[in-house]
Amino acid sequence: MPDPDLHGNHDPCPACALRREVMDTAPITRAEIQCNVCKGVGWLPLSAAEICRRTCEEARRIYWPEFERRIAHG
């Protein structure tokens, strides 16, 4: 079961982001935002399948070119 508290296991809630644009005037202390989309937590959890898909995509983007470069140069 994915842990939505871990980096990369959730997306920011777009509804909260829009509300924060209008309400957020303090750099540190933020007032609580009531949101029907995310229930006020500020992020939307991802499914295990989506987390795996994004992780594989990132690995292909970062690690495979380096792996192939090392093989080519022996």
Protein backbone atom coordinates (compact mmCIF):
# COMPACT_ATOMS: atom_id res chain seq x y z
CA MET A 1 0.00 0.00 0.00
CA PRO A 2 1.57 3.32 -1.05
CA ASP A 3 2.36 5.88 1.62
CA PRO A 4 1.06 9.26 0.37
CA ASP A 5 3.39 11.07 2.80
CA LEU A 6 6.46 10.00 0.79
CA HIS A 7 7.82 12.29 -1.91
CA GLY A 8 6.52 11.25 -5.32
CA ASN A 9 3.54 9.30 -4.00
CA HIS A 10 1.11 12.16 -4.45
CA ASP A 11 0.30 15.15 -6.60
CA PRO A 12 -0.57 18.59 -5.26
CA CYS A 13 -4.30 19.32 -5.18
CA PRO A 14 -5.06 21.79 -7.99
CA ALA A 15 -8.15 23.11 -6.18
CA CYS A 16 -6.10 23.98 -3.08
CA ALA A 17 -3.39 25.59 -5.22
CA LEU A 18 -5.94 27.95 -6.75
CA ARG A 19 -7.36 28.85 -3.34
CA ARG A 20 -3.86 29.43 -1.92
CA GLU A 21 -3.05 31.84 -4.74
CA VAL A 22 -5.82 34.10 -3.51
CA MET A 23 -5.60 33.53 0.26
CA ASP A 24 -1.90 32.93 0.93
CA THR A 25 -0.24 36.15 2.06
CA ALA A 26 1.97 34.81 4.87
CA PRO A 27 5.26 33.05 4.01
CA ILE A 28 5.18 30.62 6.96
CA THR A 29 1.85 30.42 8.75
CA ARG A 30 -0.90 29.34 6.40
CA ALA A 31 -4.58 29.32 7.13
CA GLU A 32 -6.34 26.00 6.65
CA ILE A 33 -8.12 25.68 3.31
CA GLN A 34 -11.41 23.85 3.07
CA CYS A 35 -11.39 21.66 -0.03
CA ASN A 36 -13.92 19.13 -1.29
CA VAL A 37 -11.40 17.56 -3.66
CA CYS A 38 -8.64 16.55 -1.21
CA LYS A 39 -10.49 17.06 2.10
CA GLY A 40 -8.02 19.79 3.07
CA VAL A 41 -4.79 17.78 3.08
CA GLY A 42 -3.40 19.64 0.04
CA TRP A 43 -2.46 16.63 -2.07
CA LEU A 44 -4.04 13.77 -4.00
CA PRO A 45 -2.63 10.27 -3.40
CA LEU A 46 -1.51 8.17 -6.37
CA SER A 47 -2.31 4.53 -6.92
CA ALA A 48 0.44 1.91 -6.60
CA ALA A 49 0.31 1.37 -10.37
CA GLU A 50 0.81 5.09 -11.08
CA ILE A 51 3.72 5.31 -8.62
CA CYS A 52 5.40 2.33 -10.34
CA ARG A 53 4.77 3.80 -13.79
CA ARG A 54 6.32 7.15 -12.83
CA THR A 55 9.29 5.48 -11.12
CA CYS A 56 10.01 3.34 -14.19
CA GLU A 57 9.71 6.36 -16.47
CA GLU A 58 12.17 8.30 -14.31
CA ALA A 59 14.61 5.36 -14.21
CA ARG A 60 14.50 5.05 -18.00
CA ARG A 61 15.14 8.77 -18.35
CA ILE A 62 18.05 8.94 -15.88
CA TYR A 63 19.72 5.55 -15.49
CA TRP A 64 19.46 3.74 -18.85
CA PRO A 65 21.41 6.28 -20.91
CA GLU A 66 24.26 6.12 -18.37
CA PHE A 67 24.13 2.30 -18.33
CA GLU A 68 24.30 2.12 -22.13
CA ARG A 69 27.15 4.66 -22.21
CA ARG A 70 29.20 2.53 -19.82
CA ILE A 71 28.57 -0.62 -21.87
CA ALA A 72 29.58 1.14 -25.09
CA HIS A 73 32.87 2.34 -23.58
CA GLY A 74 33.57 -1.03 -21.97
